[in-house]
Amino acid sequence: MDFNEVFIEGRLTEDAKTEMMPNGVLYVTFTLACNEDKRVDGTWQKRVQYVPVAVYGNYAQSLLPALRKSQRAIVLGKIECNAGKFIINAMKIRITEGGRSERVDDG
């Protein structure tokens, strides 16, 4: 059996956007900027990965007010590939800031 689960933390690059699927299901998209330090030729360098995330249905609507630019978030989800582009399908999201966290999930 294969395993597809992603755990990623970063900051939103902009406010989340609401969109509608052709079947009428609401979804929210945003991008997380994830910083990492990497040693290159003996020198530490900062590198930023930009990771697209999508949240679907009622869960998406409940998250929207918390998903603002620069907000730190931890996302647990699955990698999906649509039209050759990868995106994280978020199952749970935790909004964090200043050492405290607020759990925002569906259960």
N, C-alpha and C. Protein backbone atom coordinates (compact mmCIF):
# COMPACT_ATOMS: atom_id res chain seq x y z
N MET A 1 0.84 -1.19 0.00
CA MET A 1 0.00 0.00 0.00
C MET A 1 0.88 1.24 0.00
N ASP A 2 0.54 2.22 -0.79
CA ASP A 2 1.29 3.47 -0.88
C ASP A 2 0.82 4.45 0.19
N PHE A 3 1.68 5.40 0.50
CA PHE A 3 1.38 6.37 1.55
C PHE A 3 1.56 7.77 0.97
N ASN A 4 0.56 8.61 1.06
CA ASN A 4 0.62 9.97 0.54
C ASN A 4 0.13 10.91 1.63
N GLU A 5 1.04 11.45 2.41
CA GLU A 5 0.69 12.40 3.46
C GLU A 5 1.81 13.43 3.58
N VAL A 6 1.42 14.69 3.70
CA VAL A 6 2.37 15.79 3.76
C VAL A 6 2.10 16.62 5.00
N PHE A 7 3.16 17.02 5.67
CA PHE A 7 3.08 17.91 6.83
C PHE A 7 4.02 19.06 6.51
N ILE A 8 3.49 20.27 6.43
CA ILE A 8 4.31 21.42 6.02
C ILE A 8 3.91 22.66 6.83
N GLU A 9 4.90 23.48 7.14
CA GLU A 9 4.67 24.71 7.90
C GLU A 9 5.28 25.88 7.14
N GLY A 10 4.59 27.00 7.16
CA GLY A 10 5.10 28.20 6.50
C GLY A 10 4.17 29.37 6.73
N ARG A 11 4.40 30.43 5.97
CA ARG A 11 3.56 31.63 6.05
C ARG A 11 2.84 31.85 4.73
N LEU A 12 1.60 32.31 4.82
CA LEU A 12 0.83 32.60 3.61
C LEU A 12 1.45 33.77 2.87
N THR A 13 1.58 33.65 1.56
CA THR A 13 2.16 34.71 0.75
C THR A 13 1.17 35.83 0.45
N GLU A 14 -0.13 35.51 0.56
CA GLU A 14 -1.20 36.49 0.37
C GLU A 14 -2.48 35.93 0.99
N ASP A 15 -3.51 36.75 1.08
CA ASP A 15 -4.79 36.27 1.60
C ASP A 15 -5.29 35.11 0.73
N ALA A 16 -5.93 34.14 1.36
CA ALA A 16 -6.50 33.01 0.63
C ALA A 16 -7.59 33.49 -0.33
N LYS A 17 -7.75 32.75 -1.43
CA LYS A 17 -8.75 33.09 -2.44
C LYS A 17 -9.83 32.04 -2.48
N THR A 18 -11.07 32.49 -2.62
CA THR A 18 -12.21 31.59 -2.72
C THR A 18 -12.52 31.35 -4.19
N GLU A 19 -12.76 30.08 -4.53
CA GLU A 19 -13.13 29.73 -5.89
C GLU A 19 -14.26 28.70 -5.85
N MET A 20 -14.88 28.45 -6.99
CA MET A 20 -15.99 27.51 -7.07
C MET A 20 -15.69 26.49 -8.17
N MET A 21 -15.88 25.22 -7.84
CA MET A 21 -15.72 24.16 -8.83
C MET A 21 -16.95 24.13 -9.73
N PRO A 22 -16.84 23.56 -10.94
CA PRO A 22 -18.00 23.50 -11.84
C PRO A 22 -19.22 22.82 -11.21
N ASN A 23 -18.99 21.90 -10.27
CA ASN A 23 -20.12 21.21 -9.63
C ASN A 23 -20.69 22.00 -8.44
N GLY A 24 -20.18 23.23 -8.21
CA GLY A 24 -20.72 24.10 -7.17
C GLY A 24 -20.04 24.00 -5.82
N VAL A 25 -19.02 23.15 -5.70
CA VAL A 25 -18.30 23.01 -4.44
C VAL A 25 -17.32 24.17 -4.27
N LEU A 26 -17.40 24.84 -3.12
CA LEU A 26 -16.51 25.94 -2.79
C LEU A 26 -15.14 25.40 -2.40
N TYR A 27 -14.09 26.08 -2.82
CA TYR A 27 -12.76 25.74 -2.33
C TYR A 27 -11.93 27.00 -2.16
N VAL A 28 -10.90 26.88 -1.33
CA VAL A 28 -10.02 28.00 -1.01
C VAL A 28 -8.61 27.59 -1.40
N THR A 29 -7.87 28.53 -2.00
CA THR A 29 -6.48 28.27 -2.35
C THR A 29 -5.58 29.33 -1.72
N PHE A 30 -4.37 28.92 -1.39
CA PHE A 30 -3.34 29.84 -0.91
C PHE A 30 -1.98 29.21 -1.13
N THR A 31 -0.95 30.01 -0.96
CA THR A 31 0.42 29.53 -1.11
C THR A 31 1.16 29.74 0.19
N LEU A 32 1.87 28.70 0.63
CA LEU A 32 2.74 28.80 1.81
C LEU A 32 4.17 29.01 1.36
N ALA A 33 4.85 29.97 1.99
CA ALA A 33 6.29 30.15 1.79
C ALA A 33 6.99 29.43 2.93
N CYS A 34 7.81 28.44 2.57
CA CYS A 34 8.50 27.61 3.57
C CYS A 34 9.99 27.86 3.46
N ASN A 35 10.58 28.43 4.50
CA ASN A 35 12.00 28.74 4.51
C ASN A 35 12.80 27.53 4.96
N GLU A 36 13.95 27.35 4.34
CA GLU A 36 14.86 26.30 4.78
C GLU A 36 16.29 26.80 4.65
N ASP A 37 17.14 26.32 5.53
CA ASP A 37 18.56 26.62 5.45
C ASP A 37 19.25 25.44 4.79
N LYS A 38 20.10 25.74 3.82
CA LYS A 38 20.79 24.68 3.09
C LYS A 38 22.26 25.04 2.98
N ARG A 39 23.11 24.05 3.22
CA ARG A 39 24.55 24.26 3.11
C ARG A 39 24.97 24.06 1.66
N VAL A 40 25.55 25.12 1.07
CA VAL A 40 26.05 25.08 -0.29
C VAL A 40 27.50 25.51 -0.28
N ASP A 41 28.39 24.61 -0.70
CA ASP A 41 29.83 24.89 -0.71
C ASP A 41 30.34 25.38 0.64
N GLY A 42 29.84 24.77 1.72
CA GLY A 42 30.31 25.11 3.06
C GLY A 42 29.67 26.34 3.67
N THR A 43 28.75 26.99 2.96
CA THR A 43 28.09 28.19 3.45
C THR A 43 26.58 27.94 3.56
N TRP A 44 26.00 28.38 4.69
CA TRP A 44 24.55 28.24 4.86
C TRP A 44 23.84 29.31 4.05
N GLN A 45 22.84 28.89 3.31
CA GLN A 45 22.05 29.81 2.51
C GLN A 45 20.57 29.56 2.78
N LYS A 46 19.79 30.64 2.78
CA LYS A 46 18.34 30.53 2.94
C LYS A 46 17.72 30.24 1.58
N ARG A 47 16.76 29.36 1.61
CA ARG A 47 16.04 29.01 0.39
C ARG A 47 14.56 28.98 0.74
N VAL A 48 13.74 29.48 -0.16
CA VAL A 48 12.29 29.51 0.07
C VAL A 48 11.61 28.61 -0.96
N GLN A 49 10.73 27.74 -0.45
CA GLN A 49 9.90 26.91 -1.31
C GLN A 49 8.48 27.47 -1.24
N TYR A 50 7.85 27.63 -2.38
CA TYR A 50 6.47 28.12 -2.42
C TYR A 50 5.55 26.93 -2.74
N VAL A 51 4.65 26.64 -1.81
CA VAL A 51 3.83 25.43 -1.90
C VAL A 51 2.35 25.81 -2.03
N PRO A 52 1.71 25.44 -3.14
CA PRO A 52 0.28 25.72 -3.30
C PRO A 52 -0.56 24.75 -2.48
N VAL A 53 -1.63 25.30 -1.86
CA VAL A 53 -2.51 24.50 -1.00
C VAL A 53 -3.96 24.78 -1.40
N ALA A 54 -4.80 23.73 -1.33
CA ALA A 54 -6.23 23.88 -1.57
C ALA A 54 -7.00 23.22 -0.43
N VAL A 55 -8.14 23.82 -0.07
CA VAL A 55 -9.03 23.30 0.96
C VAL A 55 -10.44 23.33 0.36
N TYR A 56 -11.20 22.23 0.55
CA TYR A 56 -12.49 22.10 -0.12
C TYR A 56 -13.68 22.08 0.83
N GLY A 57 -14.84 22.51 0.31
CA GLY A 57 -16.13 22.38 1.00
C GLY A 57 -16.32 23.32 2.18
N ASN A 58 -17.16 22.88 3.12
CA ASN A 58 -17.49 23.69 4.29
C ASN A 58 -16.26 24.01 5.12
N TYR A 59 -15.31 23.08 5.17
CA TYR A 59 -14.07 23.31 5.90
C TYR A 59 -13.35 24.53 5.35
N ALA A 60 -13.34 24.68 4.03
CA ALA A 60 -12.70 25.83 3.39
C ALA A 60 -13.34 27.14 3.84
N GLN A 61 -14.66 27.16 3.88
CA GLN A 61 -15.38 28.37 4.27
C GLN A 61 -15.09 28.74 5.72
N SER A 62 -14.98 27.74 6.60
CA SER A 62 -14.72 28.03 8.01
C SER A 62 -13.29 28.55 8.23
N LEU A 63 -12.38 28.20 7.35
CA LEU A 63 -10.98 28.63 7.48
C LEU A 63 -10.71 30.02 6.93
N LEU A 64 -11.50 30.43 5.98
CA LEU A 64 -11.22 31.65 5.22
C LEU A 64 -10.85 32.86 6.07
N PRO A 65 -11.56 33.18 7.15
CA PRO A 65 -11.20 34.38 7.93
C PRO A 65 -9.80 34.31 8.55
N ALA A 66 -9.29 33.12 8.80
CA ALA A 66 -7.98 32.97 9.44
C ALA A 66 -6.82 32.93 8.46
N LEU A 67 -7.09 32.74 7.18
CA LEU A 67 -6.03 32.56 6.19
C LEU A 67 -5.67 33.89 5.53
N ARG A 68 -4.85 34.66 6.23
CA ARG A 68 -4.45 36.00 5.78
C ARG A 68 -2.95 36.06 5.51
N LYS A 69 -2.57 37.00 4.67
CA LYS A 69 -1.16 37.19 4.32
C LYS A 69 -0.28 37.26 5.57
N SER A 70 0.85 36.57 5.53
CA SER A 70 1.87 36.52 6.59
C SER A 70 1.48 35.63 7.77
N GLN A 71 0.27 35.08 7.77
CA GLN A 71 -0.15 34.20 8.85
C GLN A 71 0.63 32.89 8.77
N ARG A 72 1.13 32.42 9.90
CA ARG A 72 1.84 31.14 9.95
C ARG A 72 0.79 30.03 10.05
N ALA A 73 1.01 28.95 9.28
CA ALA A 73 0.08 27.82 9.29
C ALA A 73 0.83 26.51 9.15
N ILE A 74 0.29 25.48 9.78
CA ILE A 74 0.77 24.12 9.62
C ILE A 74 -0.32 23.36 8.89
N VAL A 75 0.06 22.69 7.81
CA VAL A 75 -0.90 22.00 6.96
C VAL A 75 -0.59 20.50 6.94
N LEU A 76 -1.61 19.70 7.15
CA LEU A 76 -1.52 18.26 6.97
C LEU A 76 -2.43 17.91 5.80
N GLY A 77 -1.88 17.27 4.80
CA GLY A 77 -2.68 16.97 3.63
C GLY A 77 -2.07 15.91 2.74
N LYS A 78 -2.52 15.89 1.50
CA LYS A 78 -2.06 14.92 0.52
C LYS A 78 -1.63 15.65 -0.74
N ILE A 79 -0.62 15.12 -1.41
CA ILE A 79 -0.16 15.70 -2.67
C ILE A 79 -1.08 15.21 -3.78
N GLU A 80 -1.54 16.17 -4.61
CA GLU A 80 -2.32 15.84 -5.78
C GLU A 80 -1.67 16.47 -7.00
N CYS A 81 -1.85 15.87 -8.14
CA CYS A 81 -1.31 16.41 -9.38
C CYS A 81 -2.47 16.57 -10.36
N ASN A 82 -2.73 17.81 -10.75
CA ASN A 82 -3.78 18.11 -11.73
C ASN A 82 -3.17 18.91 -12.86
N ALA A 83 -3.36 18.45 -14.06
CA ALA A 83 -2.84 19.13 -15.26
C ALA A 83 -1.34 19.40 -15.13
N GLY A 84 -0.61 18.44 -14.55
CA GLY A 84 0.84 18.56 -14.44
C GLY A 84 1.33 19.47 -13.33
N LYS A 85 0.43 19.98 -12.49
CA LYS A 85 0.82 20.85 -11.39
C LYS A 85 0.50 20.18 -10.06
N PHE A 86 1.46 20.25 -9.14
CA PHE A 86 1.26 19.67 -7.81
C PHE A 86 0.61 20.68 -6.88
N ILE A 87 -0.25 20.18 -6.01
CA ILE A 87 -0.90 21.01 -5.00
C ILE A 87 -1.14 20.14 -3.76
N ILE A 88 -1.14 20.76 -2.59
CA ILE A 88 -1.44 20.04 -1.36
C ILE A 88 -2.94 20.16 -1.11
N ASN A 89 -3.62 19.03 -1.01
CA ASN A 89 -5.03 19.00 -0.64
C ASN A 89 -5.07 18.91 0.88
N ALA A 90 -5.36 20.03 1.55
CA ALA A 90 -5.29 20.12 3.01
C ALA A 90 -6.44 19.37 3.67
N MET A 91 -6.09 18.53 4.64
CA MET A 91 -7.09 17.81 5.43
C MET A 91 -7.28 18.48 6.79
N LYS A 92 -6.20 19.01 7.34
CA LYS A 92 -6.24 19.74 8.61
C LYS A 92 -5.26 20.90 8.53
N ILE A 93 -5.64 22.01 9.17
CA ILE A 93 -4.78 23.19 9.20
C ILE A 93 -4.75 23.73 10.61
N ARG A 94 -3.56 24.07 11.07
CA ARG A 94 -3.41 24.71 12.38
C ARG A 94 -2.78 26.08 12.14
N ILE A 95 -3.47 27.11 12.62
CA ILE A 95 -2.97 28.48 12.52
C ILE A 95 -2.10 28.73 13.75
N THR A 96 -0.88 29.18 13.54
CA THR A 96 0.03 29.39 14.67
C THR A 96 0.61 30.80 14.62
N GLU A 97 0.92 31.32 15.78
CA GLU A 97 1.55 32.64 15.87
C GLU A 97 2.07 32.86 17.27
N GLY A 98 3.27 33.35 17.38
CA GLY A 98 3.82 33.75 18.67
C GLY A 98 3.86 32.65 19.71
N GLY A 99 4.16 31.40 19.29
CA GLY A 99 4.30 30.32 20.23
C GLY A 99 2.99 29.66 20.65
N ARG A 100 1.87 30.20 20.17
CA ARG A 100 0.60 29.55 20.50
C ARG A 100 -0.04 29.10 19.19
N SER A 101 -0.95 28.20 19.29
CA SER A 101 -1.60 27.74 18.07
C SER A 101 -3.10 27.67 18.28
N GLU A 102 -3.80 27.84 17.19
CA GLU A 102 -5.26 27.75 17.20
C GLU A 102 -5.63 26.64 16.23
N ARG A 103 -6.28 25.62 16.72
CA ARG A 103 -6.65 24.51 15.86
C ARG A 103 -7.90 24.88 15.07
N VAL A 104 -7.77 24.78 13.78
CA VAL A 104 -8.90 25.06 12.90
C VAL A 104 -9.02 23.85 12.00
N ASP A 105 -9.92 22.93 12.34
CA ASP A 105 -10.09 21.75 11.52
C ASP A 105 -11.53 21.27 11.57
N ASP A 106 -11.77 20.17 10.91
CA ASP A 106 -13.14 19.67 10.81
C ASP A 106 -13.47 18.59 11.84
N GLY A 107 -12.65 18.41 12.84
CA GLY A 107 -12.99 17.39 13.80
C GLY A 107 -11.93 17.02 14.71
